[in-house]
Amino acid sequence: MQRFPEVAELQQVKDLCCSSGLKQIPVQEGLAFLANRPSLSKSQFLASYAELLQSKGIQVPLEVQEDVFDLFDHDRNGVVDMMELIPGISLFCGGTDEEKVQAVFRAYGNCDGAISIAEMSAFMSSVFRVGLTPKLLAAINSQGLQVESPEELAYFTALECFQEADLTKDGHLTLDQFKAWFFSPQNDPALFLPRFTETAV
């Protein structure tokens, strides 16, 4: 079972985001450049990452690039797959919440431009592994939802989203349906897309 990160770890993630050069890359460009194959080995990831930075005239030390790979490689199997890459790019590349939501849907969406509950749960699980602290988890549990892991929180969040937003009950959400839920007053977009690209902590 994955644990939630401590505050000090989140600071390290923010520092890495600043030093990685990724926040200078628009999220759609990052996904288009990196998310073009089912998975990337470490050498493939580093080569593509370096090429992406060079295309923008950005210089980043190799050790920082390796730290970024380690951050994306949640399961520590030496490969970054689409379910790890898309959340990583959407969190650390530049762009507004609107742009990031659209980029995620383009990356995950099927031919109808929709996303399934399994895809949404996988995406949110990757986000929560990085962006939620035990303190925030305690606050969520105090509201009546008892969860112990990022995967559990992702599952229940995706389930709630589909119950509220999947008006056609076809098991898929369109971009417009998701945006209506994501930007609704009762939700905080920063919970689902932590703002690591901001300089303030």
N, C-alpha and C. Protein backbone atom coordinates (compact mmCIF):
# COMPACT_ATOMS: atom_id res chain seq x y z
N MET A 1 0.84 -1.20 0.00
CA MET A 1 0.00 0.00 0.00
C MET A 1 0.87 1.24 0.00
N GLN A 2 0.62 2.14 -0.92
CA GLN A 2 1.38 3.37 -1.01
C GLN A 2 1.05 4.28 0.16
N ARG A 3 2.06 5.00 0.68
CA ARG A 3 1.80 5.96 1.74
C ARG A 3 1.72 7.37 1.16
N PHE A 4 1.22 8.28 1.97
CA PHE A 4 1.15 9.67 1.54
C PHE A 4 2.45 10.37 1.87
N PRO A 5 2.86 11.36 1.07
CA PRO A 5 4.13 12.05 1.31
C PRO A 5 4.06 12.99 2.49
N GLU A 6 5.19 13.18 3.16
CA GLU A 6 5.29 14.15 4.22
C GLU A 6 5.51 15.54 3.63
N VAL A 7 5.32 16.58 4.48
CA VAL A 7 5.47 17.96 4.02
C VAL A 7 6.86 18.20 3.45
N ALA A 8 7.90 17.66 4.12
CA ALA A 8 9.27 17.85 3.64
C ALA A 8 9.45 17.26 2.25
N GLU A 9 8.80 16.12 2.00
CA GLU A 9 8.89 15.50 0.68
C GLU A 9 8.21 16.37 -0.38
N LEU A 10 7.09 16.99 -0.02
CA LEU A 10 6.42 17.88 -0.96
C LEU A 10 7.30 19.07 -1.31
N GLN A 11 8.06 19.57 -0.32
CA GLN A 11 8.97 20.67 -0.61
C GLN A 11 10.05 20.22 -1.59
N GLN A 12 10.53 18.99 -1.42
CA GLN A 12 11.52 18.45 -2.35
C GLN A 12 10.95 18.34 -3.75
N VAL A 13 9.68 17.94 -3.84
CA VAL A 13 9.02 17.85 -5.14
C VAL A 13 8.92 19.23 -5.79
N LYS A 14 8.54 20.23 -4.99
CA LYS A 14 8.44 21.59 -5.53
C LYS A 14 9.81 22.09 -5.99
N ASP A 15 10.83 21.81 -5.20
CA ASP A 15 12.19 22.22 -5.58
C ASP A 15 12.60 21.54 -6.88
N LEU A 16 12.28 20.24 -7.01
CA LEU A 16 12.63 19.51 -8.22
C LEU A 16 11.86 20.06 -9.42
N CYS A 17 10.61 20.41 -9.19
CA CYS A 17 9.82 20.99 -10.27
C CYS A 17 10.48 22.26 -10.80
N CYS A 18 10.99 23.08 -9.88
CA CYS A 18 11.63 24.33 -10.28
C CYS A 18 12.93 24.08 -11.03
N SER A 19 13.69 23.06 -10.60
CA SER A 19 15.00 22.81 -11.21
C SER A 19 14.93 21.92 -12.45
N SER A 20 13.77 21.28 -12.67
CA SER A 20 13.66 20.31 -13.76
C SER A 20 13.52 20.94 -15.14
N GLY A 21 13.12 22.22 -15.16
CA GLY A 21 12.87 22.89 -16.44
C GLY A 21 11.51 22.60 -17.01
N LEU A 22 10.76 21.67 -16.43
CA LEU A 22 9.48 21.28 -17.01
C LEU A 22 8.42 22.37 -16.91
N LYS A 23 8.50 23.20 -15.88
CA LYS A 23 7.45 24.21 -15.75
C LYS A 23 7.53 25.25 -16.87
N GLN A 24 8.64 25.25 -17.60
CA GLN A 24 8.78 26.15 -18.75
C GLN A 24 8.22 25.52 -20.04
N ILE A 25 7.78 24.27 -19.92
CA ILE A 25 7.22 23.55 -21.07
C ILE A 25 5.69 23.55 -20.94
N PRO A 26 4.96 24.05 -21.93
CA PRO A 26 3.50 23.95 -21.89
C PRO A 26 3.06 22.50 -21.79
N VAL A 27 2.06 22.24 -20.98
CA VAL A 27 1.67 20.87 -20.68
C VAL A 27 1.32 20.09 -21.95
N GLN A 28 0.64 20.71 -22.91
CA GLN A 28 0.27 20.00 -24.12
C GLN A 28 1.50 19.59 -24.93
N GLU A 29 2.51 20.47 -24.96
CA GLU A 29 3.75 20.14 -25.67
C GLU A 29 4.47 18.99 -24.97
N GLY A 30 4.49 19.03 -23.65
CA GLY A 30 5.16 17.96 -22.90
C GLY A 30 4.52 16.62 -23.15
N LEU A 31 3.18 16.57 -23.14
CA LEU A 31 2.49 15.31 -23.37
C LEU A 31 2.67 14.85 -24.81
N ALA A 32 2.60 15.77 -25.75
CA ALA A 32 2.75 15.40 -27.16
C ALA A 32 4.14 14.84 -27.44
N PHE A 33 5.13 15.36 -26.74
CA PHE A 33 6.52 14.96 -26.99
C PHE A 33 6.86 13.65 -26.29
N LEU A 34 6.38 13.48 -25.06
CA LEU A 34 6.81 12.34 -24.25
C LEU A 34 5.81 11.18 -24.28
N ALA A 35 4.53 11.50 -24.33
CA ALA A 35 3.51 10.45 -24.22
C ALA A 35 3.12 9.91 -25.59
N ASN A 36 4.11 9.51 -26.38
CA ASN A 36 3.83 9.02 -27.73
C ASN A 36 4.13 7.53 -27.88
N ARG A 37 4.30 6.84 -26.76
CA ARG A 37 4.51 5.40 -26.80
C ARG A 37 4.00 4.83 -25.48
N PRO A 38 3.69 3.51 -25.45
CA PRO A 38 3.08 2.93 -24.24
C PRO A 38 3.93 3.07 -22.98
N SER A 39 5.25 3.00 -23.12
CA SER A 39 6.12 3.09 -21.95
C SER A 39 7.51 3.54 -22.39
N LEU A 40 8.26 4.05 -21.42
CA LEU A 40 9.63 4.51 -21.67
C LEU A 40 10.56 3.89 -20.64
N SER A 41 11.64 3.26 -21.13
CA SER A 41 12.68 2.82 -20.21
C SER A 41 13.39 4.06 -19.67
N LYS A 42 14.25 3.87 -18.69
CA LYS A 42 14.95 5.02 -18.13
C LYS A 42 15.78 5.73 -19.20
N SER A 43 16.49 4.97 -20.02
CA SER A 43 17.32 5.60 -21.05
C SER A 43 16.47 6.32 -22.08
N GLN A 44 15.33 5.73 -22.45
CA GLN A 44 14.43 6.38 -23.40
C GLN A 44 13.83 7.65 -22.82
N PHE A 45 13.44 7.58 -21.54
CA PHE A 45 12.86 8.74 -20.88
C PHE A 45 13.88 9.88 -20.82
N LEU A 46 15.11 9.56 -20.39
CA LEU A 46 16.13 10.59 -20.26
C LEU A 46 16.48 11.21 -21.61
N ALA A 47 16.53 10.39 -22.66
CA ALA A 47 16.84 10.91 -23.99
C ALA A 47 15.73 11.83 -24.48
N SER A 48 14.47 11.42 -24.29
CA SER A 48 13.34 12.24 -24.74
C SER A 48 13.23 13.51 -23.92
N TYR A 49 13.45 13.38 -22.62
CA TYR A 49 13.39 14.52 -21.71
C TYR A 49 14.46 15.55 -22.10
N ALA A 50 15.69 15.08 -22.33
CA ALA A 50 16.78 15.97 -22.70
C ALA A 50 16.49 16.66 -24.04
N GLU A 51 15.92 15.91 -24.98
CA GLU A 51 15.59 16.49 -26.29
C GLU A 51 14.51 17.55 -26.16
N LEU A 52 13.53 17.28 -25.31
CA LEU A 52 12.46 18.26 -25.08
C LEU A 52 13.02 19.55 -24.50
N LEU A 53 13.89 19.43 -23.51
CA LEU A 53 14.49 20.62 -22.90
C LEU A 53 15.35 21.38 -23.91
N GLN A 54 16.13 20.64 -24.67
CA GLN A 54 17.01 21.28 -25.66
C GLN A 54 16.22 22.03 -26.71
N SER A 55 15.02 21.53 -27.05
CA SER A 55 14.19 22.20 -28.05
C SER A 55 13.74 23.57 -27.56
N LYS A 56 13.80 23.78 -26.25
CA LYS A 56 13.42 25.07 -25.66
C LYS A 56 14.65 25.84 -25.16
N GLY A 57 15.83 25.30 -25.44
CA GLY A 57 17.04 25.97 -24.99
C GLY A 57 17.25 25.91 -23.49
N ILE A 58 16.75 24.85 -22.85
CA ILE A 58 16.84 24.71 -21.40
C ILE A 58 17.92 23.70 -21.06
N GLN A 59 18.80 24.06 -20.13
CA GLN A 59 19.87 23.18 -19.68
C GLN A 59 19.56 22.68 -18.26
N VAL A 60 19.54 21.38 -18.08
CA VAL A 60 19.27 20.78 -16.78
C VAL A 60 20.30 19.69 -16.53
N PRO A 61 20.96 19.69 -15.36
CA PRO A 61 21.97 18.66 -15.06
C PRO A 61 21.38 17.25 -15.14
N LEU A 62 22.21 16.29 -15.55
CA LEU A 62 21.77 14.91 -15.70
C LEU A 62 21.20 14.36 -14.39
N GLU A 63 21.84 14.72 -13.25
CA GLU A 63 21.35 14.17 -11.98
C GLU A 63 19.93 14.64 -11.67
N VAL A 64 19.59 15.85 -12.11
CA VAL A 64 18.22 16.35 -11.92
C VAL A 64 17.27 15.57 -12.82
N GLN A 65 17.69 15.31 -14.05
CA GLN A 65 16.86 14.53 -14.97
C GLN A 65 16.59 13.14 -14.40
N GLU A 66 17.59 12.54 -13.78
CA GLU A 66 17.42 11.21 -13.18
C GLU A 66 16.47 11.28 -11.99
N ASP A 67 16.53 12.36 -11.22
CA ASP A 67 15.59 12.54 -10.11
C ASP A 67 14.16 12.65 -10.62
N VAL A 68 13.97 13.33 -11.76
CA VAL A 68 12.64 13.44 -12.36
C VAL A 68 12.13 12.06 -12.78
N PHE A 69 13.01 11.26 -13.39
CA PHE A 69 12.60 9.90 -13.75
C PHE A 69 12.16 9.13 -12.51
N ASP A 70 12.94 9.21 -11.44
CA ASP A 70 12.60 8.49 -10.21
C ASP A 70 11.26 8.95 -9.65
N LEU A 71 10.96 10.24 -9.80
CA LEU A 71 9.69 10.76 -9.31
C LEU A 71 8.52 10.22 -10.14
N PHE A 72 8.72 10.12 -11.45
CA PHE A 72 7.66 9.61 -12.32
C PHE A 72 7.47 8.10 -12.15
N ASP A 73 8.56 7.38 -11.89
CA ASP A 73 8.52 5.91 -11.82
C ASP A 73 8.00 5.47 -10.45
N HIS A 74 6.69 5.57 -10.28
CA HIS A 74 6.09 5.31 -8.97
C HIS A 74 6.33 3.89 -8.47
N ASP A 75 6.22 2.91 -9.37
CA ASP A 75 6.32 1.52 -8.92
C ASP A 75 7.76 0.99 -8.92
N ARG A 76 8.73 1.88 -9.26
CA ARG A 76 10.15 1.54 -9.18
C ARG A 76 10.51 0.30 -10.00
N ASN A 77 9.91 0.19 -11.19
CA ASN A 77 10.24 -0.95 -12.05
C ASN A 77 11.19 -0.57 -13.19
N GLY A 78 11.70 0.67 -13.16
CA GLY A 78 12.64 1.10 -14.17
C GLY A 78 12.02 1.51 -15.49
N VAL A 79 10.69 1.59 -15.52
CA VAL A 79 9.96 1.96 -16.73
C VAL A 79 8.86 2.95 -16.33
N VAL A 80 8.68 3.98 -17.14
CA VAL A 80 7.58 4.92 -16.92
C VAL A 80 6.52 4.64 -17.98
N ASP A 81 5.34 4.19 -17.53
CA ASP A 81 4.27 3.91 -18.48
C ASP A 81 3.32 5.11 -18.57
N MET A 82 2.32 4.98 -19.40
CA MET A 82 1.40 6.10 -19.65
C MET A 82 0.68 6.54 -18.39
N MET A 83 0.35 5.57 -17.52
CA MET A 83 -0.39 5.90 -16.30
C MET A 83 0.48 6.64 -15.30
N GLU A 84 1.80 6.62 -15.49
CA GLU A 84 2.72 7.40 -14.66
C GLU A 84 3.12 8.70 -15.37
N LEU A 85 3.28 8.60 -16.68
CA LEU A 85 3.78 9.75 -17.44
C LEU A 85 2.75 10.89 -17.52
N ILE A 86 1.51 10.55 -17.83
CA ILE A 86 0.50 11.60 -18.02
C ILE A 86 0.29 12.41 -16.74
N PRO A 87 0.10 11.78 -15.57
CA PRO A 87 -0.02 12.59 -14.35
C PRO A 87 1.23 13.41 -14.07
N GLY A 88 2.41 12.83 -14.30
CA GLY A 88 3.65 13.56 -14.02
C GLY A 88 3.77 14.81 -14.87
N ILE A 89 3.52 14.65 -16.17
CA ILE A 89 3.60 15.81 -17.07
C ILE A 89 2.55 16.85 -16.71
N SER A 90 1.34 16.40 -16.41
CA SER A 90 0.26 17.36 -16.11
C SER A 90 0.53 18.11 -14.82
N LEU A 91 1.25 17.49 -13.88
CA LEU A 91 1.57 18.17 -12.63
C LEU A 91 2.72 19.15 -12.77
N PHE A 92 3.75 18.78 -13.54
CA PHE A 92 4.99 19.55 -13.50
C PHE A 92 5.22 20.48 -14.69
N CYS A 93 4.50 20.26 -15.79
CA CYS A 93 4.62 21.20 -16.90
C CYS A 93 3.74 22.42 -16.65
N GLY A 94 4.01 23.47 -17.40
CA GLY A 94 3.29 24.71 -17.21
C GLY A 94 1.91 24.69 -17.84
N GLY A 95 1.03 25.57 -17.34
CA GLY A 95 -0.31 25.68 -17.90
C GLY A 95 -1.35 25.95 -16.83
N THR A 96 -2.48 26.45 -17.25
CA THR A 96 -3.59 26.69 -16.34
C THR A 96 -4.29 25.37 -16.02
N ASP A 97 -5.17 25.39 -15.00
CA ASP A 97 -5.95 24.20 -14.70
C ASP A 97 -6.75 23.76 -15.93
N GLU A 98 -7.33 24.72 -16.63
CA GLU A 98 -8.11 24.42 -17.83
C GLU A 98 -7.25 23.72 -18.88
N GLU A 99 -6.06 24.24 -19.11
CA GLU A 99 -5.17 23.65 -20.11
C GLU A 99 -4.73 22.24 -19.71
N LYS A 100 -4.50 22.05 -18.42
CA LYS A 100 -4.06 20.73 -17.95
C LYS A 100 -5.17 19.70 -18.04
N VAL A 101 -6.38 20.10 -17.69
CA VAL A 101 -7.52 19.19 -17.82
C VAL A 101 -7.71 18.78 -19.27
N GLN A 102 -7.65 19.73 -20.18
CA GLN A 102 -7.80 19.43 -21.59
C GLN A 102 -6.68 18.50 -22.08
N ALA A 103 -5.45 18.75 -21.62
CA ALA A 103 -4.32 17.93 -22.03
C ALA A 103 -4.48 16.49 -21.55
N VAL A 104 -4.94 16.32 -20.31
CA VAL A 104 -5.14 14.98 -19.76
C VAL A 104 -6.20 14.24 -20.57
N PHE A 105 -7.29 14.92 -20.91
CA PHE A 105 -8.34 14.26 -21.69
C PHE A 105 -7.86 13.88 -23.07
N ARG A 106 -7.05 14.73 -23.68
CA ARG A 106 -6.52 14.38 -25.00
C ARG A 106 -5.61 13.15 -24.92
N ALA A 107 -4.86 13.06 -23.83
CA ALA A 107 -3.93 11.95 -23.67
C ALA A 107 -4.64 10.64 -23.32
N TYR A 108 -5.64 10.71 -22.43
CA TYR A 108 -6.34 9.50 -22.00
C TYR A 108 -7.51 9.15 -22.90
N GLY A 109 -8.14 10.18 -23.49
CA GLY A 109 -9.42 9.99 -24.14
C GLY A 109 -9.39 9.00 -25.30
N ASN A 110 -10.50 8.31 -25.45
CA ASN A 110 -10.63 7.39 -26.57
C ASN A 110 -11.06 8.18 -27.81
N CYS A 111 -11.53 7.49 -28.83
CA CYS A 111 -11.88 8.16 -30.08
C CYS A 111 -13.05 9.12 -29.89
N ASP A 112 -13.83 8.94 -28.84
CA ASP A 112 -14.95 9.84 -28.56
C ASP A 112 -14.53 11.01 -27.66
N GLY A 113 -13.24 11.05 -27.29
CA GLY A 113 -12.78 12.14 -26.44
C GLY A 113 -13.27 12.03 -25.02
N ALA A 114 -13.51 10.81 -24.53
CA ALA A 114 -14.03 10.60 -23.19
C ALA A 114 -13.03 9.80 -22.37
N ILE A 115 -13.25 9.77 -21.06
CA ILE A 115 -12.34 9.08 -20.15
C ILE A 115 -13.16 8.11 -19.30
N SER A 116 -12.60 6.94 -19.01
CA SER A 116 -13.31 5.93 -18.23
C SER A 116 -13.02 6.13 -16.74
N ILE A 117 -13.79 5.46 -15.90
CA ILE A 117 -13.58 5.57 -14.46
C ILE A 117 -12.24 4.94 -14.06
N ALA A 118 -11.83 3.89 -14.76
CA ALA A 118 -10.54 3.25 -14.46
C ALA A 118 -9.39 4.20 -14.78
N GLU A 119 -9.49 4.90 -15.92
CA GLU A 119 -8.44 5.85 -16.30
C GLU A 119 -8.39 7.02 -15.32
N MET A 120 -9.56 7.51 -14.92
CA MET A 120 -9.59 8.62 -13.97
C MET A 120 -9.03 8.20 -12.62
N SER A 121 -9.38 7.01 -12.16
CA SER A 121 -8.88 6.52 -10.89
C SER A 121 -7.36 6.37 -10.92
N ALA A 122 -6.83 5.86 -12.04
CA ALA A 122 -5.37 5.70 -12.16
C ALA A 122 -4.68 7.05 -12.16
N PHE A 123 -5.25 8.01 -12.87
CA PHE A 123 -4.67 9.36 -12.91
C PHE A 123 -4.66 9.98 -11.52
N MET A 124 -5.80 9.94 -10.84
CA MET A 124 -5.89 10.56 -9.51
C MET A 124 -5.01 9.85 -8.50
N SER A 125 -4.86 8.54 -8.64
CA SER A 125 -3.99 7.80 -7.73
C SER A 125 -2.56 8.30 -7.84
N SER A 126 -2.09 8.51 -9.07
CA SER A 126 -0.73 9.02 -9.28
C SER A 126 -0.57 10.42 -8.70
N VAL A 127 -1.59 11.25 -8.88
CA VAL A 127 -1.55 12.61 -8.33
C VAL A 127 -1.51 12.57 -6.81
N PHE A 128 -2.37 11.75 -6.21
CA PHE A 128 -2.45 11.72 -4.75
C PHE A 128 -1.19 11.14 -4.12
N ARG A 129 -0.49 10.25 -4.81
CA ARG A 129 0.76 9.71 -4.27
C ARG A 129 1.79 10.82 -4.06
N VAL A 130 1.71 11.85 -4.89
CA VAL A 130 2.68 12.94 -4.84
C VAL A 130 2.18 14.12 -4.02
N GLY A 131 0.89 14.44 -4.14
CA GLY A 131 0.42 15.74 -3.68
C GLY A 131 -0.33 15.82 -2.37
N LEU A 132 -0.62 14.68 -1.73
CA LEU A 132 -1.39 14.73 -0.49
C LEU A 132 -0.56 14.31 0.71
N THR A 133 -0.61 15.10 1.76
CA THR A 133 0.13 14.81 2.99
C THR A 133 -0.78 14.09 4.00
N PRO A 134 -0.20 13.44 5.01
CA PRO A 134 -1.03 12.83 6.05
C PRO A 134 -1.97 13.84 6.72
N LYS A 135 -1.54 15.09 6.85
CA LYS A 135 -2.38 16.11 7.47
C LYS A 135 -3.64 16.35 6.64
N LEU A 136 -3.47 16.45 5.33
CA LEU A 136 -4.62 16.65 4.46
C LEU A 136 -5.50 15.41 4.43
N LEU A 137 -4.88 14.23 4.47
CA LEU A 137 -5.65 13.00 4.54
C LEU A 137 -6.52 12.97 5.79
N ALA A 138 -5.95 13.41 6.93
CA ALA A 138 -6.71 13.45 8.18
C ALA A 138 -7.91 14.40 8.05
N ALA A 139 -7.71 15.52 7.37
CA ALA A 139 -8.80 16.46 7.17
C ALA A 139 -9.90 15.84 6.32
N ILE A 140 -9.51 15.08 5.29
CA ILE A 140 -10.49 14.40 4.45
C ILE A 140 -11.25 13.35 5.25
N ASN A 141 -10.52 12.57 6.06
CA ASN A 141 -11.17 11.54 6.88
C ASN A 141 -12.10 12.14 7.92
N SER A 142 -11.77 13.35 8.41
CA SER A 142 -12.62 14.00 9.41
C SER A 142 -13.98 14.38 8.85
N GLN A 143 -14.07 14.42 7.51
CA GLN A 143 -15.34 14.75 6.85
C GLN A 143 -16.18 13.51 6.59
N GLY A 144 -15.70 12.36 7.06
CA GLY A 144 -16.51 11.15 6.98
C GLY A 144 -16.05 10.12 5.98
N LEU A 145 -15.07 10.44 5.14
CA LEU A 145 -14.56 9.48 4.18
C LEU A 145 -13.29 8.84 4.74
N GLN A 146 -13.38 7.56 5.12
CA GLN A 146 -12.26 6.90 5.76
C GLN A 146 -11.42 6.15 4.72
N VAL A 147 -10.25 6.70 4.40
CA VAL A 147 -9.34 6.08 3.45
C VAL A 147 -7.94 6.05 4.05
N GLU A 148 -7.14 5.10 3.59
CA GLU A 148 -5.79 4.93 4.15
C GLU A 148 -4.70 5.04 3.11
N SER A 149 -5.03 5.12 1.84
CA SER A 149 -4.00 5.13 0.80
C SER A 149 -4.41 6.04 -0.35
N PRO A 150 -3.44 6.46 -1.17
CA PRO A 150 -3.78 7.24 -2.36
C PRO A 150 -4.73 6.50 -3.29
N GLU A 151 -4.54 5.18 -3.40
CA GLU A 151 -5.38 4.40 -4.30
C GLU A 151 -6.83 4.40 -3.84
N GLU A 152 -7.04 4.27 -2.52
CA GLU A 152 -8.41 4.30 -2.01
C GLU A 152 -9.06 5.66 -2.24
N LEU A 153 -8.33 6.72 -1.95
CA LEU A 153 -8.87 8.07 -2.16
C LEU A 153 -9.18 8.31 -3.63
N ALA A 154 -8.29 7.84 -4.51
CA ALA A 154 -8.52 7.99 -5.95
C ALA A 154 -9.77 7.25 -6.39
N TYR A 155 -9.94 6.04 -5.89
CA TYR A 155 -11.12 5.24 -6.26
C TYR A 155 -12.41 5.94 -5.85
N PHE A 156 -12.48 6.38 -4.59
CA PHE A 156 -13.70 7.01 -4.11
C PHE A 156 -13.95 8.37 -4.78
N THR A 157 -12.87 9.09 -5.09
CA THR A 157 -13.02 10.37 -5.77
C THR A 157 -13.55 10.17 -7.18
N ALA A 158 -12.98 9.20 -7.90
CA ALA A 158 -13.45 8.91 -9.25
C ALA A 158 -14.89 8.42 -9.23
N LEU A 159 -15.22 7.60 -8.23
CA LEU A 159 -16.59 7.09 -8.12
C LEU A 159 -17.57 8.23 -7.89
N GLU A 160 -17.22 9.15 -6.99
CA GLU A 160 -18.08 10.30 -6.73
C GLU A 160 -18.24 11.16 -7.98
N CYS A 161 -17.12 11.37 -8.67
CA CYS A 161 -17.15 12.18 -9.90
C CYS A 161 -18.11 11.57 -10.91
N PHE A 162 -18.02 10.28 -11.14
CA PHE A 162 -18.89 9.64 -12.14
C PHE A 162 -20.34 9.61 -11.69
N GLN A 163 -20.57 9.44 -10.40
CA GLN A 163 -21.95 9.45 -9.91
C GLN A 163 -22.62 10.80 -10.15
N GLU A 164 -21.83 11.87 -10.00
CA GLU A 164 -22.38 13.21 -10.15
C GLU A 164 -22.36 13.72 -11.58
N ALA A 165 -21.33 13.34 -12.35
CA ALA A 165 -21.12 13.98 -13.65
C ALA A 165 -21.48 13.11 -14.85
N ASP A 166 -21.52 11.80 -14.69
CA ASP A 166 -21.84 10.92 -15.81
C ASP A 166 -23.36 10.88 -16.01
N LEU A 167 -23.88 11.92 -16.60
CA LEU A 167 -25.33 12.07 -16.71
C LEU A 167 -25.94 11.03 -17.64
N THR A 168 -25.18 10.56 -18.59
CA THR A 168 -25.70 9.55 -19.52
C THR A 168 -25.52 8.13 -18.99
N LYS A 169 -24.76 7.97 -17.91
CA LYS A 169 -24.53 6.67 -17.27
C LYS A 169 -23.98 5.64 -18.25
N ASP A 170 -23.04 6.08 -19.09
CA ASP A 170 -22.45 5.15 -20.05
C ASP A 170 -21.04 4.72 -19.65
N GLY A 171 -20.61 5.11 -18.44
CA GLY A 171 -19.31 4.69 -17.95
C GLY A 171 -18.15 5.52 -18.47
N HIS A 172 -18.44 6.63 -19.14
CA HIS A 172 -17.41 7.52 -19.64
C HIS A 172 -17.82 8.97 -19.41
N LEU A 173 -16.82 9.82 -19.21
CA LEU A 173 -17.07 11.26 -19.06
C LEU A 173 -16.47 12.00 -20.24
N THR A 174 -17.25 12.93 -20.78
CA THR A 174 -16.70 13.83 -21.78
C THR A 174 -15.93 14.94 -21.06
N LEU A 175 -15.16 15.69 -21.83
CA LEU A 175 -14.41 16.80 -21.26
C LEU A 175 -15.35 17.80 -20.60
N ASP A 176 -16.45 18.14 -21.25
CA ASP A 176 -17.39 19.12 -20.69
C ASP A 176 -18.02 18.62 -19.40
N GLN A 177 -18.36 17.33 -19.35
CA GLN A 177 -18.94 16.76 -18.12
C GLN A 177 -17.94 16.82 -16.98
N PHE A 178 -16.69 16.47 -17.27
CA PHE A 178 -15.68 16.50 -16.21
C PHE A 178 -15.41 17.92 -15.74
N LYS A 179 -15.30 18.86 -16.67
CA LYS A 179 -15.03 20.25 -16.29
C LYS A 179 -16.13 20.81 -15.42
N ALA A 180 -17.38 20.46 -15.70
CA ALA A 180 -18.49 20.94 -14.88
C ALA A 180 -18.35 20.46 -13.44
N TRP A 181 -17.86 19.22 -13.26
CA TRP A 181 -17.65 18.69 -11.92
C TRP A 181 -16.38 19.26 -11.30
N PHE A 182 -15.29 19.28 -12.07
CA PHE A 182 -13.98 19.70 -11.58
C PHE A 182 -14.00 21.14 -11.07
N PHE A 183 -14.65 22.03 -11.80
CA PHE A 183 -14.67 23.45 -11.45
C PHE A 183 -15.90 23.86 -10.65
N SER A 184 -16.68 22.88 -10.16
CA SER A 184 -17.85 23.21 -9.36
C SER A 184 -17.43 23.79 -8.01
N PRO A 185 -18.26 24.62 -7.39
CA PRO A 185 -17.88 25.32 -6.15
C PRO A 185 -17.45 24.41 -5.01
N GLN A 186 -17.98 23.17 -4.95
CA GLN A 186 -17.64 22.30 -3.82
C GLN A 186 -16.29 21.62 -3.99
N ASN A 187 -15.64 21.76 -5.13
CA ASN A 187 -14.35 21.12 -5.37
C ASN A 187 -13.23 22.14 -5.41
N ASP A 188 -12.06 21.71 -4.96
CA ASP A 188 -10.86 22.54 -5.02
C ASP A 188 -9.94 21.95 -6.08
N PRO A 189 -9.79 22.62 -7.24
CA PRO A 189 -8.93 22.06 -8.29
C PRO A 189 -7.51 21.74 -7.82
N ALA A 190 -7.00 22.48 -6.82
CA ALA A 190 -5.64 22.25 -6.33
C ALA A 190 -5.49 20.88 -5.67
N LEU A 191 -6.61 20.28 -5.24
CA LEU A 191 -6.54 18.93 -4.67
C LEU A 191 -6.17 17.91 -5.74
N PHE A 192 -6.67 18.12 -6.96
CA PHE A 192 -6.47 17.16 -8.04
C PHE A 192 -5.27 17.51 -8.92
N LEU A 193 -4.91 18.80 -8.97
CA LEU A 193 -3.73 19.24 -9.72
C LEU A 193 -2.91 20.16 -8.82
N PRO A 194 -2.18 19.60 -7.85
CA PRO A 194 -1.38 20.44 -6.95
C PRO A 194 -0.48 21.37 -7.73
N ARG A 195 -0.37 22.60 -7.27
CA ARG A 195 0.32 23.64 -8.05
C ARG A 195 1.82 23.65 -7.73
N PHE A 196 2.50 22.57 -8.16
CA PHE A 196 3.94 22.49 -7.97
C PHE A 196 4.69 23.49 -8.83
N THR A 197 4.04 23.99 -9.88
CA THR A 197 4.72 24.94 -10.76
C THR A 197 4.72 26.34 -10.20
N GLU A 198 4.03 26.57 -9.08
CA GLU A 198 4.08 27.88 -8.44
C GLU A 198 5.27 27.93 -7.52
N THR A 199 5.87 29.10 -7.38
CA THR A 199 7.08 29.21 -6.59
C THR A 199 6.81 29.25 -5.11
N ALA A 200 5.65 29.72 -4.72
CA ALA A 200 5.33 29.80 -3.30
C ALA A 200 5.02 28.42 -2.77
N VAL A 201 5.34 28.18 -1.50
CA VAL A 201 5.09 26.88 -0.88
C VAL A 201 3.80 26.95 -0.09
